[in-house]
Amino acid sequence: MPSRYSRNNNATRASIEDKLFASGNFKNVKRGEYTAGDRIGQECVAKEFKTGSVFEDHYFNEELAIIDRTQKIIDDWHDAGIINRTIVLNIPEIWVYETTGHKALIEPMIRNFEKFNSNTGWADNTGGAWSEAMQALSHFSYHTSGGQFLLCDLQGGVYSDG
């Protein structure tokens, strides 16, 4: 059952552009649009691993395990009542391209994209309410897990509707 603090695909098909939209340390990102399901007509992204086999389950299973753990931390964060704002997590699904058989992680496009911190120690300390909230979530993840986990490389979009 999806968390009330998650954003899910709710779609079964998408058209993905060939051109790269963005690139991170481990994945390339391409734009797309959902063509079937509840999100039809909405933008999505396809994230493809840069190295390793695009067919190998390990990369994708590891990514989904990280997402599951992150969702638990976000749910615990909300249950603890730290702030009165809602933080939600995009939950990707593993889809397979019909033409190549390659796998990709598909998820809804994030509007108003911002980077709040990195996995190298950088943090947005401009003093904005959302940057402070995301740093607090990062600290919460470390303390609530007894030092076993630290949410970092936090990125997202600030939405006026929550």
C-alpha atoms as a PDB file:
ATOM      1  CA  MET A   1       0.000   0.000   0.000  1.00  0.00           C
ATOM      2  CA  PRO A   2       1.458   3.388  -0.974  1.00  0.00           C
ATOM      3  CA  SER A   3       2.323   5.841   1.775  1.00  0.00           C
ATOM      4  CA  ARG A   4       0.289   9.010   1.976  1.00  0.00           C
ATOM      5  CA  TYR A   5       3.701  10.703   1.783  1.00  0.00           C
ATOM      6  CA  SER A   6       4.604   9.326  -1.645  1.00  0.00           C
ATOM      7  CA  ARG A   7       4.063  10.282  -5.279  1.00  0.00           C
ATOM      8  CA  ASN A   8       3.561   7.255  -7.485  1.00  0.00           C
ATOM      9  CA  ASN A   9       3.412   6.587 -11.220  1.00  0.00           C
ATOM     10  CA  ASN A  10      -0.243   5.549 -11.406  1.00  0.00           C
ATOM     11  CA  ALA A  11       0.402   4.942 -15.095  1.00  0.00           C
ATOM     12  CA  THR A  12       1.169   1.999 -17.340  1.00  0.00           C
ATOM     13  CA  ARG A  13       2.809   3.547 -20.379  1.00  0.00           C
ATOM     14  CA  ALA A  14       4.945   6.554 -21.343  1.00  0.00           C
ATOM     15  CA  SER A  15       6.721   8.049 -24.323  1.00  0.00           C
ATOM     16  CA  ILE A  16      10.366   8.847 -23.460  1.00  0.00           C
ATOM     17  CA  GLU A  17      12.564  11.255 -25.442  1.00  0.00           C
ATOM     18  CA  ASP A  18      15.938  10.032 -26.726  1.00  0.00           C
ATOM     19  CA  LYS A  19      17.755  13.232 -25.723  1.00  0.00           C
ATOM     20  CA  LEU A  20      19.314  13.506 -22.241  1.00  0.00           C
ATOM     21  CA  PHE A  21      17.520  15.915 -19.940  1.00  0.00           C
ATOM     22  CA  ALA A  22      19.931  15.725 -16.981  1.00  0.00           C
ATOM     23  CA  SER A  23      22.806  13.665 -15.676  1.00  0.00           C
ATOM     24  CA  GLY A  24      23.874  12.792 -12.134  1.00  0.00           C
ATOM     25  CA  ASN A  25      26.765  10.793 -10.718  1.00  0.00           C
ATOM     26  CA  PHE A  26      25.194   7.405 -11.385  1.00  0.00           C
ATOM     27  CA  LYS A  27      22.209   7.950 -13.666  1.00  0.00           C
ATOM     28  CA  ASN A  28      21.190   9.732 -16.838  1.00  0.00           C
ATOM     29  CA  VAL A  29      17.717  11.253 -16.969  1.00  0.00           C
ATOM     30  CA  LYS A  30      15.388  11.603 -19.955  1.00  0.00           C
ATOM     31  CA  ARG A  31      12.074  13.466 -20.167  1.00  0.00           C
ATOM     32  CA  GLY A  32       8.861  11.739 -21.031  1.00  0.00           C
ATOM     33  CA  GLU A  33       5.104  11.922 -20.928  1.00  0.00           C
ATOM     34  CA  TYR A  34       2.662   9.384 -19.558  1.00  0.00           C
ATOM     35  CA  THR A  35       0.443   8.018 -22.329  1.00  0.00           C
ATOM     36  CA  ALA A  36      -1.767   5.601 -20.358  1.00  0.00           C
ATOM     37  CA  GLY A  37      -3.130   5.499 -16.814  1.00  0.00           C
ATOM     38  CA  ASP A  38      -4.210   8.090 -14.258  1.00  0.00           C
ATOM     39  CA  ARG A  39      -1.285  10.396 -15.104  1.00  0.00           C
ATOM     40  CA  ILE A  40      -1.916  10.479 -18.875  1.00  0.00           C
ATOM     41  CA  GLY A  41      -0.575  13.730 -20.356  1.00  0.00           C
ATOM     42  CA  GLN A  42       1.631  14.493 -17.337  1.00  0.00           C
ATOM     43  CA  GLU A  43       5.411  14.701 -17.533  1.00  0.00           C
ATOM     44  CA  CYS A  44       7.612  11.913 -16.232  1.00  0.00           C
ATOM     45  CA  VAL A  45      11.306  11.074 -16.212  1.00  0.00           C
ATOM     46  CA  ALA A  46      13.220   7.920 -17.053  1.00  0.00           C
ATOM     47  CA  LYS A  47      16.382   7.351 -15.009  1.00  0.00           C
ATOM     48  CA  GLU A  48      18.949   5.024 -16.554  1.00  0.00           C
ATOM     49  CA  PHE A  49      22.085   3.756 -14.819  1.00  0.00           C
ATOM     50  CA  LYS A  50      25.294   4.985 -16.469  1.00  0.00           C
ATOM     51  CA  THR A  51      27.399   1.933 -15.669  1.00  0.00           C
ATOM     52  CA  GLY A  52      26.586  -1.699 -15.214  1.00  0.00           C
ATOM     53  CA  SER A  53      24.132  -3.685 -17.182  1.00  0.00           C
ATOM     54  CA  VAL A  54      20.836  -2.052 -18.002  1.00  0.00           C
ATOM     55  CA  PHE A  55      19.373  -5.536 -17.773  1.00  0.00           C
ATOM     56  CA  GLU A  56      20.799  -6.428 -14.342  1.00  0.00           C
ATOM     57  CA  ASP A  57      18.219  -6.690 -11.565  1.00  0.00           C
ATOM     58  CA  HIS A  58      20.741  -5.919  -8.802  1.00  0.00           C
ATOM     59  CA  TYR A  59      21.037  -2.212  -9.655  1.00  0.00           C
ATOM     60  CA  PHE A  60      17.299  -1.731  -9.718  1.00  0.00           C
ATOM     61  CA  ASN A  61      16.546  -3.855  -6.644  1.00  0.00           C
ATOM     62  CA  GLU A  62      19.153  -1.930  -4.634  1.00  0.00           C
ATOM     63  CA  GLU A  63      17.623   1.372  -5.725  1.00  0.00           C
ATOM     64  CA  LEU A  64      14.121   0.246  -4.706  1.00  0.00           C
ATOM     65  CA  ALA A  65      15.426  -0.969  -1.317  1.00  0.00           C
ATOM     66  CA  ILE A  66      16.897   2.500  -0.725  1.00  0.00           C
ATOM     67  CA  ILE A  67      13.577   4.087  -1.721  1.00  0.00           C
ATOM     68  CA  ASP A  68      11.690   1.791   0.703  1.00  0.00           C
ATOM     69  CA  ARG A  69      14.000   2.741   3.578  1.00  0.00           C
ATOM     70  CA  THR A  70      13.740   6.430   2.690  1.00  0.00           C
ATOM     71  CA  GLN A  71       9.934   6.194   2.688  1.00  0.00           C
ATOM     72  CA  LYS A  72       9.985   4.670   6.175  1.00  0.00           C
ATOM     73  CA  ILE A  73      12.157   7.531   7.440  1.00  0.00           C
ATOM     74  CA  ILE A  74       9.844  10.133   5.869  1.00  0.00           C
ATOM     75  CA  ASP A  75       6.775   8.409   7.345  1.00  0.00           C
ATOM     76  CA  ASP A  76       8.469   8.358  10.792  1.00  0.00           C
ATOM     77  CA  TRP A  77       9.377  12.042  10.342  1.00  0.00           C
ATOM     78  CA  HIS A  78       5.729  12.944   9.778  1.00  0.00           C
ATOM     79  CA  ASP A  79       4.578  10.713  12.654  1.00  0.00           C
ATOM     80  CA  ALA A  80       7.009  12.575  14.952  1.00  0.00           C
ATOM     81  CA  GLY A  81       5.355  15.894  14.019  1.00  0.00           C
ATOM     82  CA  ILE A  82       8.644  17.735  13.478  1.00  0.00           C
ATOM     83  CA  ILE A  83       7.161  20.387  11.158  1.00  0.00           C
ATOM     84  CA  ASN A  84       3.693  21.150   9.846  1.00  0.00           C
ATOM     85  CA  ARG A  85       4.668  20.842   6.167  1.00  0.00           C
ATOM     86  CA  THR A  86       4.397  17.774   4.008  1.00  0.00           C
ATOM     87  CA  ILE A  87       7.427  16.097   2.469  1.00  0.00           C
ATOM     88  CA  VAL A  88       6.637  13.404  -0.102  1.00  0.00           C
ATOM     89  CA  LEU A  89       8.890  10.941  -1.889  1.00  0.00           C
ATOM     90  CA  ASN A  90       8.738  10.132  -5.593  1.00  0.00           C
ATOM     91  CA  ILE A  91       8.458   6.352  -5.923  1.00  0.00           C
ATOM     92  CA  PRO A  92       9.841   5.041  -9.218  1.00  0.00           C
ATOM     93  CA  GLU A  93       8.843   1.821 -10.917  1.00  0.00           C
ATOM     94  CA  ILE A  94      11.078  -0.394 -13.003  1.00  0.00           C
ATOM     95  CA  TRP A  95       9.870  -0.319 -16.596  1.00  0.00           C
ATOM     96  CA  VAL A  96      11.374  -1.979 -19.665  1.00  0.00           C
ATOM     97  CA  TYR A  97      11.769  -0.204 -23.009  1.00  0.00           C
ATOM     98  CA  GLU A  98       9.862  -2.145 -25.675  1.00  0.00           C
ATOM     99  CA  THR A  99      12.450  -1.392 -28.372  1.00  0.00           C
ATOM    100  CA  THR A 100      15.675  -2.287 -26.508  1.00  0.00           C
ATOM    101  CA  GLY A 101      14.642  -4.374 -23.520  1.00  0.00           C
ATOM    102  CA  HIS A 102      16.674  -2.013 -21.286  1.00  0.00           C
ATOM    103  CA  LYS A 103      15.321  -1.186 -17.854  1.00  0.00           C
ATOM    104  CA  ALA A 104      14.736   2.304 -16.493  1.00  0.00           C
ATOM    105  CA  LEU A 105      13.299   3.832 -13.349  1.00  0.00           C
ATOM    106  CA  ILE A 106      10.173   5.816 -14.284  1.00  0.00           C
ATOM    107  CA  GLU A 107       8.690   8.429 -11.970  1.00  0.00           C
ATOM    108  CA  PRO A 108       6.650  11.647 -12.111  1.00  0.00           C
ATOM    109  CA  MET A 109       8.547  14.790 -13.165  1.00  0.00           C
ATOM    110  CA  ILE A 110       9.435  17.115 -10.288  1.00  0.00           C
ATOM    111  CA  ARG A 111       8.513  20.732 -11.017  1.00  0.00           C
ATOM    112  CA  ASN A 112      10.427  23.647  -9.449  1.00  0.00           C
ATOM    113  CA  PHE A 113      13.450  21.389  -8.963  1.00  0.00           C
ATOM    114  CA  GLU A 114      15.934  22.319  -6.221  1.00  0.00           C
ATOM    115  CA  LYS A 115      18.923  20.611  -4.649  1.00  0.00           C
ATOM    116  CA  PHE A 116      18.890  20.854  -0.835  1.00  0.00           C
ATOM    117  CA  ASN A 117      22.120  19.015   0.032  1.00  0.00           C
ATOM    118  CA  SER A 118      24.646  16.631  -1.486  1.00  0.00           C
ATOM    119  CA  ASN A 119      26.360  13.402  -0.549  1.00  0.00           C
ATOM    120  CA  THR A 120      29.664  15.302  -0.229  1.00  0.00           C
ATOM    121  CA  GLY A 121      28.644  17.541   2.671  1.00  0.00           C
ATOM    122  CA  TRP A 122      27.266  20.583   0.836  1.00  0.00           C
ATOM    123  CA  ALA A 123      23.984  21.933   2.181  1.00  0.00           C
ATOM    124  CA  ASP A 124      21.810  24.805   0.997  1.00  0.00           C
ATOM    125  CA  ASN A 125      22.023  27.136   3.963  1.00  0.00           C
ATOM    126  CA  THR A 126      20.357  30.152   2.408  1.00  0.00           C
ATOM    127  CA  GLY A 127      17.903  30.147   5.285  1.00  0.00           C
ATOM    128  CA  GLY A 128      14.787  29.260   3.322  1.00  0.00           C
ATOM    129  CA  ALA A 129      12.123  27.311   5.194  1.00  0.00           C
ATOM    130  CA  TRP A 130      12.372  24.320   2.857  1.00  0.00           C
ATOM    131  CA  SER A 131      16.167  24.128   2.897  1.00  0.00           C
ATOM    132  CA  GLU A 132      16.039  24.158   6.705  1.00  0.00           C
ATOM    133  CA  ALA A 133      13.317  21.499   6.724  1.00  0.00           C
ATOM    134  CA  MET A 134      15.329  19.232   4.431  1.00  0.00           C
ATOM    135  CA  GLN A 135      18.473  19.614   6.572  1.00  0.00           C
ATOM    136  CA  ALA A 136      16.344  18.756   9.612  1.00  0.00           C
ATOM    137  CA  LEU A 137      15.052  15.643   7.812  1.00  0.00           C
ATOM    138  CA  SER A 138      18.635  14.642   7.037  1.00  0.00           C
ATOM    139  CA  HIS A 139      19.615  15.003  10.718  1.00  0.00           C
ATOM    140  CA  PHE A 140      16.457  13.160  11.796  1.00  0.00           C
ATOM    141  CA  SER A 141      17.344  10.214   9.553  1.00  0.00           C
ATOM    142  CA  TYR A 142      20.725   9.849  11.233  1.00  0.00           C
ATOM    143  CA  HIS A 143      19.436  10.105  14.796  1.00  0.00           C
ATOM    144  CA  THR A 144      16.293   7.996  14.390  1.00  0.00           C
ATOM    145  CA  SER A 145      18.322   5.185  12.790  1.00  0.00           C
ATOM    146  CA  GLY A 146      20.931   5.180  15.543  1.00  0.00           C
ATOM    147  CA  GLY A 147      23.540   6.467  13.110  1.00  0.00           C
ATOM    148  CA  GLN A 148      22.909   3.716  10.549  1.00  0.00           C
ATOM    149  CA  PHE A 149      21.396   5.912   7.817  1.00  0.00           C
ATOM    150  CA  LEU A 150      21.805   9.482   6.621  1.00  0.00           C
ATOM    151  CA  LEU A 151      19.474  10.873   3.986  1.00  0.00           C
ATOM    152  CA  CYS A 152      21.579  13.043   1.726  1.00  0.00           C
ATOM    153  CA  ASP A 153      21.613  14.299  -1.841  1.00  0.00           C
ATOM    154  CA  LEU A 154      18.095  15.525  -1.090  1.00  0.00           C
ATOM    155  CA  GLN A 155      16.420  17.084  -4.111  1.00  0.00           C
ATOM    156  CA  GLY A 156      12.889  18.018  -4.941  1.00  0.00           C
ATOM    157  CA  GLY A 157      10.372  20.656  -5.795  1.00  0.00           C
ATOM    158  CA  VAL A 158       8.526  23.130  -3.641  1.00  0.00           C
ATOM    159  CA  TYR A 159       4.826  23.093  -4.500  1.00  0.00           C
ATOM    160  CA  SER A 160       2.330  25.754  -3.461  1.00  0.00           C
ATOM    161  CA  ASP A 161      -0.365  23.091  -3.053  1.00  0.00           C
ATOM    162  CA  GLY A 162       1.656  21.143  -0.480  1.00  0.00           C
END
